[in-house]
N, C-alpha and C. Protein backbone atom coordinates (compact mmCIF):
# COMPACT_ATOMS: atom_id res chain seq x y z
N MET A 1 88.88 88.53 75.39
CA MET A 1 89.54 87.33 74.88
C MET A 1 90.99 87.63 74.49
N ILE A 2 91.21 88.75 73.81
CA ILE A 2 92.56 89.11 73.39
C ILE A 2 93.42 89.41 74.61
N LEU A 3 92.86 90.12 75.59
CA LEU A 3 93.61 90.43 76.81
C LEU A 3 94.00 89.16 77.55
N ALA A 4 93.12 88.18 77.60
CA ALA A 4 93.43 86.91 78.26
C ALA A 4 94.58 86.22 77.55
N ALA A 5 94.59 86.23 76.23
CA ALA A 5 95.66 85.60 75.46
C ALA A 5 96.98 86.31 75.69
N ILE A 6 96.93 87.65 75.74
CA ILE A 6 98.16 88.41 75.99
C ILE A 6 98.68 88.10 77.39
N GLY A 7 97.79 88.08 78.36
CA GLY A 7 98.19 87.77 79.73
C GLY A 7 98.80 86.39 79.85
N LEU A 8 98.21 85.42 79.18
CA LEU A 8 98.72 84.05 79.21
C LEU A 8 100.10 83.98 78.56
N SER A 9 100.29 84.69 77.46
CA SER A 9 101.59 84.65 76.79
C SER A 9 102.67 85.32 77.64
N ILE A 10 102.31 86.38 78.37
CA ILE A 10 103.28 87.02 79.25
C ILE A 10 103.69 86.07 80.37
N VAL A 11 102.74 85.39 80.97
CA VAL A 11 103.03 84.44 82.04
C VAL A 11 103.90 83.31 81.52
N SER A 12 103.57 82.77 80.35
CA SER A 12 104.35 81.66 79.83
C SER A 12 105.75 82.10 79.44
N CYS A 13 105.91 83.32 78.96
CA CYS A 13 107.25 83.82 78.64
C CYS A 13 108.08 83.97 79.91
N LYS A 14 107.48 84.45 80.97
CA LYS A 14 108.21 84.62 82.23
C LYS A 14 108.71 83.28 82.75
N ASN A 15 107.95 82.22 82.55
CA ASN A 15 108.38 80.90 83.02
C ASN A 15 109.57 80.38 82.25
N ASN A 16 109.79 80.89 81.03
CA ASN A 16 110.89 80.43 80.20
C ASN A 16 112.13 81.32 80.31
N GLU A 17 112.06 82.37 81.14
CA GLU A 17 113.21 83.24 81.29
C GLU A 17 114.34 82.48 81.96
N PRO A 18 115.58 82.79 81.57
CA PRO A 18 116.70 82.11 82.20
C PRO A 18 116.82 82.50 83.67
N LYS A 19 117.32 81.57 84.46
CA LYS A 19 117.51 81.80 85.89
C LYS A 19 118.63 82.81 86.08
N ASP A 20 118.52 83.65 87.09
CA ASP A 20 119.57 84.61 87.41
C ASP A 20 120.66 83.89 88.19
N TYR A 21 121.83 83.82 87.63
CA TYR A 21 122.95 83.13 88.25
C TYR A 21 123.96 84.09 88.85
N THR A 22 123.56 85.35 89.08
CA THR A 22 124.44 86.32 89.71
C THR A 22 124.16 86.32 91.21
N LEU A 23 125.22 86.13 92.00
CA LEU A 23 125.07 86.00 93.45
C LEU A 23 125.77 87.13 94.19
N THR A 24 125.17 87.58 95.28
CA THR A 24 125.83 88.54 96.16
C THR A 24 127.02 87.84 96.81
N PRO A 25 127.94 88.60 97.41
CA PRO A 25 129.05 87.93 98.10
C PRO A 25 128.59 86.93 99.16
N ILE A 26 127.55 87.25 99.91
CA ILE A 26 127.05 86.31 100.93
C ILE A 26 126.51 85.04 100.28
N GLU A 27 125.71 85.19 99.23
CA GLU A 27 125.16 84.02 98.52
C GLU A 27 126.28 83.20 97.90
N PHE A 28 127.29 83.88 97.34
CA PHE A 28 128.43 83.22 96.73
C PHE A 28 129.17 82.38 97.77
N ALA A 29 129.40 82.97 98.95
CA ALA A 29 130.09 82.25 100.03
C ALA A 29 129.29 81.03 100.47
N GLU A 30 127.98 81.20 100.58
CA GLU A 30 127.12 80.07 100.97
C GLU A 30 127.12 78.97 99.91
N LYS A 31 127.18 79.36 98.64
CA LYS A 31 127.13 78.39 97.54
C LYS A 31 128.42 77.58 97.44
N ARG A 32 129.49 78.07 98.05
CA ARG A 32 130.77 77.34 97.99
C ARG A 32 130.68 75.98 98.64
N ASN A 33 129.83 75.85 99.64
CA ASN A 33 129.67 74.57 100.33
C ASN A 33 128.20 74.19 100.32
N ILE A 34 127.79 73.43 99.32
CA ILE A 34 126.41 72.99 99.22
C ILE A 34 126.36 71.48 99.16
N ARG A 35 125.32 70.94 99.71
CA ARG A 35 125.11 69.49 99.71
C ARG A 35 126.34 68.73 100.22
N GLY A 36 127.06 69.36 101.17
CA GLY A 36 128.21 68.70 101.77
C GLY A 36 129.42 68.64 100.86
N LYS A 37 129.39 69.34 99.74
CA LYS A 37 130.51 69.34 98.80
C LYS A 37 131.00 70.77 98.61
N THR A 38 132.28 70.90 98.33
CA THR A 38 132.84 72.21 98.02
C THR A 38 132.65 72.47 96.53
N THR A 39 132.03 73.59 96.21
CA THR A 39 131.79 73.97 94.81
C THR A 39 133.06 74.58 94.23
N PRO A 40 133.48 74.15 93.04
CA PRO A 40 134.67 74.74 92.42
C PRO A 40 134.50 76.24 92.18
N VAL A 41 135.58 76.98 92.43
CA VAL A 41 135.60 78.42 92.20
C VAL A 41 136.69 78.71 91.17
N ILE A 42 136.32 79.44 90.12
CA ILE A 42 137.28 79.81 89.08
C ILE A 42 137.43 81.33 89.05
N ASP A 43 138.67 81.77 89.19
CA ASP A 43 139.04 83.18 89.07
C ASP A 43 139.40 83.38 87.60
N VAL A 44 138.64 84.20 86.89
CA VAL A 44 138.86 84.36 85.45
C VAL A 44 139.74 85.57 85.13
N ARG A 45 140.36 86.15 86.15
CA ARG A 45 141.27 87.28 85.93
C ARG A 45 142.61 86.78 85.39
N THR A 46 143.49 87.71 85.09
CA THR A 46 144.81 87.35 84.58
C THR A 46 145.64 86.70 85.69
N PRO A 47 146.67 85.95 85.32
CA PRO A 47 147.54 85.36 86.34
C PRO A 47 148.18 86.42 87.26
N LYS A 48 148.49 87.58 86.73
CA LYS A 48 149.07 88.65 87.54
C LYS A 48 148.08 89.11 88.61
N GLU A 49 146.82 89.32 88.22
CA GLU A 49 145.79 89.73 89.18
C GLU A 49 145.59 88.64 90.23
N TYR A 50 145.55 87.40 89.77
CA TYR A 50 145.35 86.25 90.66
C TYR A 50 146.47 86.17 91.69
N ALA A 51 147.71 86.41 91.27
CA ALA A 51 148.86 86.34 92.18
C ALA A 51 148.78 87.39 93.28
N GLU A 52 148.19 88.53 92.98
CA GLU A 52 148.08 89.61 93.97
C GLU A 52 147.12 89.25 95.09
N SER A 53 145.96 88.68 94.74
CA SER A 53 145.00 88.21 95.74
C SER A 53 143.89 87.46 95.03
N ALA A 54 143.42 86.43 95.70
CA ALA A 54 142.36 85.60 95.12
C ALA A 54 141.54 84.99 96.24
N LEU A 55 140.34 84.56 95.91
CA LEU A 55 139.53 83.86 96.89
C LEU A 55 140.24 82.57 97.26
N ILE A 56 140.12 82.19 98.50
CA ILE A 56 140.78 80.99 99.00
C ILE A 56 140.29 79.76 98.21
N ASP A 57 141.24 78.96 97.76
CA ASP A 57 141.00 77.73 97.01
C ASP A 57 140.43 77.95 95.61
N ALA A 58 140.55 79.16 95.08
CA ALA A 58 140.09 79.41 93.71
C ALA A 58 141.16 78.97 92.71
N ALA A 59 140.71 78.38 91.61
CA ALA A 59 141.60 78.05 90.51
C ALA A 59 141.65 79.25 89.56
N ASN A 60 142.77 79.46 88.92
CA ASN A 60 142.90 80.58 87.98
C ASN A 60 142.88 80.06 86.55
N ILE A 61 141.83 80.43 85.83
CA ILE A 61 141.74 80.16 84.40
C ILE A 61 141.33 81.49 83.78
N SER A 62 142.30 82.18 83.21
CA SER A 62 142.06 83.52 82.69
C SER A 62 141.10 83.51 81.50
N TRP A 63 140.10 84.38 81.57
CA TRP A 63 139.15 84.52 80.47
C TRP A 63 139.87 84.99 79.21
N LYS A 64 140.97 85.72 79.37
CA LYS A 64 141.73 86.23 78.23
C LYS A 64 142.58 85.15 77.56
N ASP A 65 142.74 84.02 78.20
CA ASP A 65 143.53 82.93 77.65
C ASP A 65 142.75 82.26 76.51
N SER A 66 143.39 82.07 75.39
CA SER A 66 142.71 81.48 74.22
C SER A 66 142.26 80.04 74.47
N THR A 67 142.78 79.41 75.51
CA THR A 67 142.41 78.03 75.82
C THR A 67 141.39 77.95 76.97
N PHE A 68 140.75 79.06 77.30
CA PHE A 68 139.83 79.08 78.43
C PHE A 68 138.80 77.95 78.35
N ILE A 69 138.09 77.84 77.24
CA ILE A 69 137.03 76.82 77.11
C ILE A 69 137.61 75.42 77.25
N ARG A 70 138.73 75.18 76.65
CA ARG A 70 139.36 73.86 76.75
C ARG A 70 139.72 73.55 78.20
N GLN A 71 140.22 74.55 78.93
CA GLN A 71 140.62 74.33 80.32
C GLN A 71 139.42 74.04 81.22
N VAL A 72 138.30 74.71 81.00
CA VAL A 72 137.14 74.49 81.89
C VAL A 72 136.44 73.17 81.57
N GLN A 73 136.77 72.55 80.45
CA GLN A 73 136.15 71.27 80.10
C GLN A 73 136.46 70.18 81.12
N SER A 74 137.47 70.39 81.97
CA SER A 74 137.80 69.39 82.98
C SER A 74 136.78 69.37 84.13
N TYR A 75 135.92 70.37 84.18
CA TYR A 75 134.89 70.44 85.22
C TYR A 75 133.62 69.73 84.75
N ASP A 76 132.86 69.21 85.69
CA ASP A 76 131.60 68.54 85.40
C ASP A 76 130.56 69.57 84.98
N LYS A 77 130.03 69.42 83.79
CA LYS A 77 129.07 70.38 83.25
C LYS A 77 127.73 70.39 83.98
N ASP A 78 127.45 69.33 84.72
CA ASP A 78 126.17 69.24 85.43
C ASP A 78 126.26 69.63 86.91
N GLU A 79 127.42 70.02 87.36
CA GLU A 79 127.61 70.44 88.75
C GLU A 79 127.78 71.95 88.82
N PRO A 80 127.43 72.56 89.95
CA PRO A 80 127.60 74.01 90.09
C PRO A 80 129.07 74.42 90.00
N ILE A 81 129.31 75.57 89.41
CA ILE A 81 130.64 76.16 89.32
C ILE A 81 130.48 77.65 89.61
N LEU A 82 131.40 78.20 90.39
CA LEU A 82 131.39 79.62 90.73
C LEU A 82 132.51 80.32 89.99
N VAL A 83 132.22 81.48 89.40
CA VAL A 83 133.24 82.25 88.70
C VAL A 83 133.22 83.70 89.18
N TYR A 84 134.39 84.32 89.15
CA TYR A 84 134.47 85.72 89.52
C TYR A 84 135.66 86.38 88.82
N CYS A 85 135.64 87.71 88.82
CA CYS A 85 136.74 88.50 88.29
C CYS A 85 136.91 89.72 89.20
N ARG A 86 137.41 90.82 88.67
CA ARG A 86 137.61 92.01 89.50
C ARG A 86 136.29 92.68 89.84
N SER A 87 135.46 92.93 88.80
CA SER A 87 134.23 93.69 89.04
C SER A 87 132.96 93.03 88.51
N GLY A 88 133.10 91.96 87.76
CA GLY A 88 131.94 91.23 87.27
C GLY A 88 131.79 91.14 85.77
N ALA A 89 132.48 91.97 85.01
CA ALA A 89 132.31 91.97 83.55
C ALA A 89 132.90 90.72 82.90
N ARG A 90 134.15 90.41 83.20
CA ARG A 90 134.78 89.23 82.58
C ARG A 90 134.12 87.94 83.03
N SER A 91 133.73 87.87 84.30
CA SER A 91 133.09 86.64 84.76
C SER A 91 131.74 86.45 84.09
N ALA A 92 131.04 87.53 83.79
CA ALA A 92 129.76 87.42 83.07
C ALA A 92 129.99 86.86 81.67
N GLU A 93 131.03 87.34 81.01
CA GLU A 93 131.36 86.83 79.67
C GLU A 93 131.79 85.37 79.73
N ALA A 94 132.63 85.04 80.70
CA ALA A 94 133.11 83.66 80.85
C ALA A 94 131.95 82.72 81.17
N ALA A 95 131.07 83.13 82.07
CA ALA A 95 129.92 82.30 82.44
C ALA A 95 129.01 82.08 81.25
N ALA A 96 128.78 83.12 80.46
CA ALA A 96 127.93 82.98 79.26
C ALA A 96 128.55 81.99 78.28
N ALA A 97 129.86 82.07 78.11
CA ALA A 97 130.55 81.13 77.20
C ALA A 97 130.46 79.71 77.73
N MET A 98 130.58 79.54 79.03
CA MET A 98 130.48 78.21 79.63
C MET A 98 129.07 77.65 79.46
N ARG A 99 128.07 78.49 79.67
CA ARG A 99 126.68 78.02 79.47
C ARG A 99 126.46 77.61 78.02
N LYS A 100 127.04 78.35 77.11
CA LYS A 100 126.92 78.01 75.68
C LYS A 100 127.56 76.65 75.39
N GLU A 101 128.57 76.30 76.17
CA GLU A 101 129.26 75.01 76.02
C GLU A 101 128.54 73.88 76.75
N GLY A 102 127.43 74.19 77.43
CA GLY A 102 126.64 73.14 78.06
C GLY A 102 126.71 73.07 79.57
N PHE A 103 127.45 73.98 80.20
CA PHE A 103 127.49 74.00 81.66
C PHE A 103 126.13 74.48 82.16
N THR A 104 125.55 73.75 83.10
CA THR A 104 124.18 74.04 83.51
C THR A 104 124.05 74.98 84.70
N GLU A 105 125.07 75.05 85.56
CA GLU A 105 124.98 75.89 86.76
C GLU A 105 126.27 76.67 86.97
N VAL A 106 126.41 77.78 86.26
CA VAL A 106 127.58 78.64 86.42
C VAL A 106 127.10 79.90 87.13
N TYR A 107 127.61 80.12 88.33
CA TYR A 107 127.20 81.26 89.15
C TYR A 107 128.30 82.31 89.15
N GLU A 108 127.89 83.58 89.05
CA GLU A 108 128.82 84.70 88.99
C GLU A 108 128.75 85.51 90.28
N LEU A 109 129.90 86.01 90.71
CA LEU A 109 129.97 86.87 91.89
C LEU A 109 129.65 88.30 91.46
N ASP A 110 128.52 88.81 91.91
CA ASP A 110 128.10 90.17 91.58
C ASP A 110 129.13 91.17 92.13
N GLY A 111 129.68 91.98 91.25
CA GLY A 111 130.66 92.98 91.68
C GLY A 111 132.06 92.45 91.85
N GLY A 112 132.27 91.17 91.57
CA GLY A 112 133.59 90.57 91.62
C GLY A 112 134.28 90.63 92.97
N ILE A 113 135.59 90.49 92.91
CA ILE A 113 136.39 90.46 94.14
C ILE A 113 136.31 91.79 94.88
N GLU A 114 136.02 92.87 94.15
CA GLU A 114 135.89 94.17 94.82
C GLU A 114 134.76 94.15 95.84
N LYS A 115 133.59 93.65 95.44
CA LYS A 115 132.47 93.58 96.39
C LYS A 115 132.70 92.50 97.45
N TRP A 116 133.42 91.44 97.08
CA TRP A 116 133.76 90.38 98.03
C TRP A 116 134.54 90.99 99.20
N LEU A 117 135.54 91.80 98.88
CA LEU A 117 136.34 92.45 99.91
C LEU A 117 135.53 93.47 100.70
N GLN A 118 134.68 94.22 100.02
CA GLN A 118 133.83 95.20 100.70
C GLN A 118 132.89 94.52 101.70
N ALA A 119 132.50 93.29 101.39
CA ALA A 119 131.61 92.54 102.27
C ALA A 119 132.37 91.93 103.46
N GLY A 120 133.69 92.09 103.47
CA GLY A 120 134.49 91.62 104.61
C GLY A 120 135.01 90.20 104.49
N PHE A 121 134.92 89.62 103.31
CA PHE A 121 135.42 88.27 103.10
C PHE A 121 136.92 88.30 102.79
N GLY A 122 137.60 87.20 103.10
CA GLY A 122 139.04 87.14 102.94
C GLY A 122 139.51 86.65 101.58
N VAL A 123 140.79 86.88 101.35
CA VAL A 123 141.47 86.43 100.14
C VAL A 123 142.85 85.89 100.55
N GLU A 124 143.55 85.31 99.59
CA GLU A 124 144.90 84.85 99.82
C GLU A 124 145.78 85.30 98.66
N LYS A 125 147.07 85.36 98.91
CA LYS A 125 148.04 85.70 97.85
C LYS A 125 148.63 84.41 97.31
N HIS A 126 148.94 84.42 96.03
CA HIS A 126 149.51 83.21 95.40
C HIS A 126 150.91 83.47 94.91
């Protein structure tokens, strides 16, 4: 009886785990165009990093900017949003902050722009 209860609680806890919103470069590229719409992409690196190279059509809202949350408020909280940085650390922090603000689908690029380039995807200079 106790084992059954423990098993049931483990199963129910697993159902309540948060969804993994970290995407490989291929998944990230596919997510950019879903349901016939282009998904917004936010580069959370500094403006200097963004100027050197960025994903095509990405907006730059630096995670280090004190107005980051205010700036992302212009996006629809119920629509998917893609975020990335150099290696994944800043975008993970930015995505967590956005989820805390009520954004429901914030996807992060695993490994950032570094893995994006390693996967053979292009960038542009600004």
